[in-house]
Amino acid sequence: MILRVLGSAAGGGVPQWNCACPNCSAVREGRAPRRTQSCAALGSEGSSAWTLLNCSPDIALQIEEFPPLQARRRSDGQHDTPISGILLTDANVDHVGGLAVMRQDGSHRFTVRSSESVRAIATVQPAFAPFALPPHRWLCDRRCAPVNEEDPIGNLFDVRAFSVPGLTPGYAGRARIEDAVFAYDIRDRRSGGRLLFAPVYEGIDDELFAAISRADVALLDGSFYTDDEMRSAGLMNKNARDLGHLPVGDSGGTLDRLEGIRTRVIFTHLNNSNPMLDPASEAAQRVGERGFEIAYDGLEVVV
């Protein structure tokens, strides 16, 4: 199983167009790498089919940066894409906005999977609604059964979707409902390797903790290091928990919750306010001392 991190930033990326914070300034001045919005691709050696894990508004650029996802010309002269489907964790714009880009799909059929709430919230938007209509499929099956023999989900990978604590997006009222946010527990049928993809959650409950513990690699919510970092930086009058994210470094945060865990943990979906973006920061050093990692665009993991 191959996981390629296409984008490692939260909404707006780093730098954000309207921000001159230290992290955004460092990117513009060439002192830090640019980060596009959170998205990943799941594939397997020997297979040409790829599945997107979320679909960021930066997906077109991300595809151009990763040739295995680029369009192909078939022997009949028609164009095709190796992207077979999409697993959506939530309905935030940084995770579903790329569907508006992928609407220009020609005759290709995508299989989109999400919770029922995410499908309902997203398909109200005219740009996303066509993905719930033929020739596409938008499924809400937590067992993620394959749709045909060519579907990597259910054939190459056993995938289980489950709810994690979270909120609906701001444009949908930030409601706390049971299936506002999914995580995906993914097992490679050939190698037995297990990956957990959970880039958004507001808490680590027992089910999520157990899934992290079972995984060989877990991509986890690294949006914020402290609850009040946006207020402290003068960026927004909201806390991390107001937005549905568990801070990494606060008391009771992700580092505390995962004390002693042996899973390879990689934090992704980092907000531009996050001090973890600076490798010299105390936050980044504390994460590294725990043996955990910070994702970057282009990171590739084999499980």
Protein backbone atom coordinates (compact mmCIF):
# COMPACT_ATOMS: atom_id res chain seq x y z
CA MET A 1 0.00 0.00 0.00
CA ILE A 2 1.32 3.39 -1.03
CA LEU A 3 0.11 6.63 0.46
CA ARG A 4 1.14 9.91 -1.15
CA VAL A 5 0.46 13.12 0.77
CA LEU A 6 -0.70 15.52 -1.94
CA GLY A 7 -1.39 18.41 0.45
CA SER A 8 -0.60 18.82 4.14
CA ALA A 9 -2.19 22.16 5.09
CA ALA A 10 -5.57 23.11 6.48
CA GLY A 11 -8.00 25.40 4.66
CA GLY A 12 -6.32 28.06 2.56
CA GLY A 13 -2.93 26.36 2.53
CA VAL A 14 0.34 27.94 3.60
CA PRO A 15 0.74 30.73 2.76
CA GLN A 16 -2.83 31.92 2.89
CA TRP A 17 -3.56 34.67 0.42
CA ASN A 18 -4.72 37.13 3.10
CA CYS A 19 -2.15 36.40 5.81
CA ALA A 20 1.31 37.70 6.70
CA CYS A 21 1.86 35.64 9.85
CA PRO A 22 5.39 34.29 10.50
CA ASN A 23 4.62 30.94 8.85
CA CYS A 24 3.11 32.48 5.72
CA SER A 25 5.93 35.03 5.49
CA ALA A 26 8.54 32.27 5.81
CA VAL A 27 7.09 30.51 2.76
CA ARG A 28 6.97 33.69 0.67
CA GLU A 29 10.56 34.47 1.59
CA GLY A 30 11.73 30.97 0.62
CA ARG A 31 12.55 29.86 4.16
CA ALA A 32 9.83 27.21 4.36
CA PRO A 33 8.07 24.94 1.84
CA ARG A 34 4.70 25.83 0.38
CA ARG A 35 1.84 23.61 1.51
CA THR A 36 -1.35 22.97 -0.41
CA GLN A 37 -4.64 21.96 1.16
CA SER A 38 -5.05 18.57 2.80
CA CYS A 39 -5.44 15.62 0.47
CA ALA A 40 -3.77 12.24 -0.13
CA ALA A 41 -3.73 9.45 -2.71
CA LEU A 42 -3.92 5.74 -1.99
CA GLY A 43 -2.45 3.20 -4.39
CA SER A 44 -0.72 -0.13 -4.63
CA GLU A 45 2.40 -1.34 -6.42
CA GLY A 46 1.45 -2.92 -9.72
CA SER A 47 -1.97 -1.26 -9.85
CA SER A 48 -2.78 1.78 -11.98
CA ALA A 49 -5.89 2.69 -9.98
CA TRP A 50 -5.66 5.37 -7.29
CA THR A 51 -8.15 6.53 -4.67
CA LEU A 52 -8.18 10.07 -3.34
CA LEU A 53 -8.45 10.57 0.41
CA ASN A 54 -10.38 13.85 0.39
CA CYS A 55 -10.40 16.17 -2.60
CA SER A 56 -8.90 19.59 -1.94
CA PRO A 57 -9.49 22.75 -3.98
CA ASP A 58 -5.81 22.41 -4.99
CA ILE A 59 -6.37 19.00 -6.60
CA ALA A 60 -5.48 20.11 -10.15
CA LEU A 61 -2.05 21.36 -9.04
CA GLN A 62 -1.57 18.30 -6.84
CA ILE A 63 -2.25 15.98 -9.79
CA GLU A 64 0.33 17.80 -11.90
CA GLU A 65 2.87 17.37 -9.10
CA PHE A 66 2.32 13.58 -9.01
CA PRO A 67 2.51 11.92 -12.47
CA PRO A 68 0.78 8.63 -11.47
CA LEU A 69 -2.46 10.65 -11.11
CA GLN A 70 -2.21 12.41 -14.46
CA ALA A 71 -4.60 11.75 -17.33
CA ARG A 72 -3.76 9.10 -19.91
CA ARG A 73 -4.62 8.68 -23.58
CA ARG A 74 -6.14 5.29 -24.32
CA SER A 75 -5.55 3.24 -27.44
CA ASP A 76 -8.91 4.40 -28.82
CA GLY A 77 -7.76 8.02 -28.61
CA GLN A 78 -9.96 8.88 -25.64
CA HIS A 79 -8.63 10.25 -22.37
CA ASP A 80 -8.82 8.48 -19.04
CA THR A 81 -7.77 9.07 -15.44
CA PRO A 82 -6.19 6.64 -12.98
CA ILE A 83 -8.31 8.14 -10.19
CA SER A 84 -11.06 5.63 -9.53
CA GLY A 85 -12.74 7.11 -6.47
CA ILE A 86 -12.68 9.37 -3.47
CA LEU A 87 -13.05 8.77 0.28
CA LEU A 88 -14.30 11.90 2.06
CA THR A 89 -13.80 12.39 5.79
CA ASP A 90 -15.99 15.49 6.14
CA ALA A 91 -17.72 18.26 4.21
CA ASN A 92 -15.29 21.10 4.93
CA VAL A 93 -14.45 23.06 1.79
CA ASP A 94 -10.76 22.14 2.01
CA HIS A 95 -11.78 18.48 1.72
CA VAL A 96 -14.62 18.57 -0.83
CA GLY A 97 -13.86 21.74 -2.82
CA GLY A 98 -11.85 19.83 -5.41
CA LEU A 99 -15.01 18.14 -6.65
CA ALA A 100 -15.80 21.41 -8.41
CA VAL A 101 -12.52 21.00 -10.29
CA MET A 102 -13.13 17.34 -11.12
CA ARG A 103 -16.57 18.03 -12.58
CA GLN A 104 -14.81 18.20 -16.00
CA ASP A 105 -14.44 14.45 -16.02
CA GLY A 106 -15.69 13.54 -19.49
CA SER A 107 -17.09 10.02 -19.46
CA HIS A 108 -15.22 8.84 -16.39
CA ARG A 109 -17.18 7.40 -13.48
CA PHE A 110 -16.09 8.23 -9.95
CA THR A 111 -17.14 6.32 -6.85
CA VAL A 112 -17.38 8.77 -3.95
CA ARG A 113 -17.76 7.46 -0.40
CA SER A 114 -18.67 9.41 2.74
CA SER A 115 -21.13 9.50 5.61
CA GLU A 116 -24.76 10.24 4.89
CA SER A 117 -24.49 13.67 6.51
CA VAL A 118 -21.47 14.61 4.43
CA ARG A 119 -23.26 13.57 1.25
CA ALA A 120 -26.36 15.55 2.22
CA ILE A 121 -24.37 18.68 3.10
CA ALA A 122 -22.16 18.54 0.03
CA THR A 123 -24.74 17.71 -2.61
CA VAL A 124 -26.85 20.73 -1.70
CA GLN A 125 -24.09 22.68 -3.45
CA PRO A 126 -24.74 22.75 -7.23
CA ALA A 127 -21.06 22.18 -8.06
CA PHE A 128 -20.99 18.93 -6.09
CA ALA A 129 -24.49 17.59 -6.71
CA PRO A 130 -23.69 15.82 -10.03
CA PHE A 131 -21.39 13.38 -8.23
CA ALA A 132 -24.46 11.80 -6.62
CA LEU A 133 -25.97 11.13 -10.06
CA PRO A 134 -25.12 8.61 -12.80
CA PRO A 135 -22.63 7.84 -14.18
CA HIS A 136 -21.05 8.52 -10.77
CA ARG A 137 -21.84 6.74 -7.51
CA TRP A 138 -21.93 8.43 -4.09
CA LEU A 139 -22.09 5.68 -1.50
CA CYS A 140 -22.58 5.77 2.27
CA ASP A 141 -21.59 2.21 3.12
CA ARG A 142 -19.36 2.01 6.20
CA ARG A 143 -18.15 -1.43 5.12
CA CYS A 144 -16.94 0.08 1.83
CA ALA A 145 -17.85 -2.94 -0.29
CA PRO A 146 -16.41 -2.97 -3.84
CA VAL A 147 -18.66 -1.75 -6.65
CA ASN A 148 -16.99 -4.03 -9.23
CA GLU A 149 -13.87 -6.13 -9.76
CA GLU A 150 -11.83 -3.08 -10.76
CA ASP A 151 -12.58 -1.12 -7.60
CA PRO A 152 -9.43 -1.02 -5.42
CA ILE A 153 -11.67 -0.47 -2.39
CA GLY A 154 -12.79 -3.88 -1.25
CA ASN A 155 -10.49 -5.72 -3.67
CA LEU A 156 -6.98 -4.42 -2.95
CA PHE A 157 -7.91 -2.74 0.34
CA ASP A 158 -10.31 -3.63 3.10
CA VAL A 159 -11.71 -0.29 4.26
CA ARG A 160 -13.85 0.45 7.29
CA ALA A 161 -15.36 3.90 7.76
CA PHE A 162 -16.32 4.95 11.28
CA SER A 163 -17.50 8.13 12.97
CA VAL A 164 -15.14 10.22 15.07
CA PRO A 165 -16.04 13.18 17.30
CA GLY A 166 -16.48 16.22 15.08
CA LEU A 167 -18.57 19.08 13.76
CA THR A 168 -20.24 19.91 10.48
CA PRO A 169 -18.54 22.75 8.55
CA GLY A 170 -19.09 26.40 9.42
CA TYR A 171 -21.30 26.86 6.35
CA ALA A 172 -23.48 24.03 7.71
CA GLY A 173 -23.76 25.40 11.25
CA ARG A 174 -20.91 23.57 13.03
CA ALA A 175 -23.40 21.10 14.43
CA ARG A 176 -22.24 18.17 16.54
CA ILE A 177 -23.84 15.18 14.84
CA GLU A 178 -22.85 11.53 14.93
CA ASP A 179 -21.53 11.18 11.37
CA ALA A 180 -20.24 14.70 10.69
CA VAL A 181 -16.71 13.31 10.41
CA PHE A 182 -15.42 9.90 9.33
CA ALA A 183 -12.04 8.23 9.73
CA TYR A 184 -10.91 5.38 7.48
CA ASP A 185 -9.25 2.20 8.71
CA ILE A 186 -7.50 0.74 5.65
CA ARG A 187 -5.87 -2.71 5.42
CA ASP A 188 -3.79 -3.88 2.48
CA ARG A 189 -5.05 -7.36 1.56
CA ARG A 190 -1.66 -8.49 0.24
CA SER A 191 0.78 -7.13 2.81
CA GLY A 192 -1.55 -6.97 5.80
CA GLY A 193 -0.31 -3.43 6.49
CA ARG A 194 -2.81 -1.13 8.14
CA LEU A 195 -3.24 2.62 7.65
CA LEU A 196 -5.53 4.97 9.56
CA PHE A 197 -6.59 8.21 7.89
CA ALA A 198 -8.10 10.67 10.39
CA PRO A 199 -7.13 14.25 9.48
CA VAL A 200 -10.06 15.84 11.35
CA TYR A 201 -11.52 15.18 14.81
CA GLU A 202 -12.38 17.15 17.94
CA GLY A 203 -11.46 14.37 20.32
CA ILE A 204 -9.96 10.91 20.48
CA ASP A 205 -12.63 8.57 21.80
CA ASP A 206 -12.10 4.89 22.59
CA GLU A 207 -12.88 3.69 19.05
CA LEU A 208 -10.48 6.14 17.43
CA PHE A 209 -7.78 5.36 19.98
CA ALA A 210 -8.13 1.64 19.30
CA ALA A 211 -7.89 2.21 15.54
CA ILE A 212 -4.75 4.34 15.97
CA SER A 213 -3.23 1.64 18.16
CA ARG A 214 -3.90 -1.11 15.59
CA ALA A 215 -2.48 0.85 12.66
CA ASP A 216 1.07 0.63 11.35
CA VAL A 217 0.77 4.26 10.22
CA ALA A 218 -1.78 6.87 11.30
CA LEU A 219 -2.29 10.25 9.60
CA LEU A 220 -3.87 12.38 12.27
CA ASP A 221 -5.33 15.84 12.79
CA GLY A 222 -2.47 18.29 13.28
CA SER A 223 -4.49 21.43 12.59
CA PHE A 224 -3.54 23.30 15.76
CA TYR A 225 -0.87 22.91 18.41
CA THR A 226 -2.69 24.95 21.07
CA ASP A 227 -6.35 25.77 21.47
CA ASP A 228 -5.83 29.55 21.46
CA GLU A 229 -3.07 29.94 18.86
CA MET A 230 -5.24 31.84 16.36
CA ARG A 231 -6.41 34.28 19.03
CA SER A 232 -2.84 34.77 20.25
CA ALA A 233 -1.63 35.48 16.72
CA GLY A 234 -4.51 37.88 16.00
CA LEU A 235 -5.72 35.75 13.11
CA MET A 236 -9.23 34.76 14.22
CA ASN A 237 -11.35 35.13 17.32
CA LYS A 238 -11.95 31.38 17.62
CA ASN A 239 -10.27 28.50 19.38
CA ALA A 240 -9.26 25.18 17.82
CA ARG A 241 -12.05 23.34 19.62
CA ASP A 242 -14.58 25.89 18.33
CA LEU A 243 -13.66 24.67 14.85
CA GLY A 244 -13.83 20.96 15.70
CA HIS A 245 -10.13 20.18 16.18
CA LEU A 246 -8.29 18.67 19.14
CA PRO A 247 -5.05 20.63 19.73
CA VAL A 248 -1.89 18.55 19.47
CA GLY A 249 0.09 20.03 22.35
CA ASP A 250 -2.34 21.30 24.98
CA SER A 251 -2.99 19.46 28.22
CA GLY A 252 -5.30 16.61 27.28
CA GLY A 253 -4.43 17.07 23.62
CA THR A 254 -3.28 14.51 21.09
CA LEU A 255 0.25 14.12 22.46
CA ASP A 256 -1.09 13.42 25.93
CA ARG A 257 -3.78 11.10 24.61
CA LEU A 258 -1.26 9.02 22.65
CA GLU A 259 1.28 8.66 25.44
CA GLY A 260 3.20 5.40 24.92
CA ILE A 261 1.61 4.49 21.58
CA ARG A 262 3.89 2.62 19.15
CA THR A 263 2.11 3.47 15.91
CA ARG A 264 3.95 5.64 13.39
CA VAL A 265 2.02 8.90 13.78
CA ILE A 266 2.13 11.62 11.11
CA PHE A 267 0.32 14.91 11.69
CA THR A 268 -1.35 16.50 8.67
CA HIS A 269 -3.93 19.25 7.91
CA LEU A 270 -1.76 21.92 9.59
CA ASN A 271 -3.19 25.41 9.91
CA ASN A 272 -1.04 28.38 8.93
CA SER A 273 -1.04 29.49 12.59
CA ASN A 274 0.53 26.24 13.79
CA PRO A 275 4.03 26.58 15.32
CA MET A 276 4.70 22.96 14.32
CA LEU A 277 5.33 24.32 10.80
CA ASP A 278 8.62 25.80 12.05
CA PRO A 279 11.14 22.96 12.57
CA ALA A 280 13.05 25.11 15.07
CA SER A 281 10.00 25.71 17.27
CA GLU A 282 9.50 24.13 20.65
CA ALA A 283 6.27 22.61 19.31
CA ALA A 284 7.99 20.83 16.42
CA GLN A 285 10.79 19.64 18.65
CA ARG A 286 8.35 18.24 21.21
CA VAL A 287 6.51 16.35 18.47
CA GLY A 288 9.82 14.94 17.19
CA GLU A 289 10.95 13.93 20.67
CA ARG A 290 7.83 11.80 20.95
CA GLY A 291 8.83 10.03 17.74
CA PHE A 292 5.96 11.54 15.79
CA GLU A 293 6.23 13.21 12.38
CA ILE A 294 4.85 16.24 10.56
CA ALA A 295 3.57 15.65 7.03
CA TYR A 296 4.67 17.67 4.04
CA ASP A 297 3.48 17.85 0.45
CA GLY A 298 5.03 14.96 -1.45
CA LEU A 299 5.59 12.68 1.53
CA GLU A 300 5.24 9.05 0.46
CA VAL A 301 4.59 6.21 2.86
CA VAL A 302 4.67 2.49 2.07
CA VAL A 303 2.68 0.33 4.47
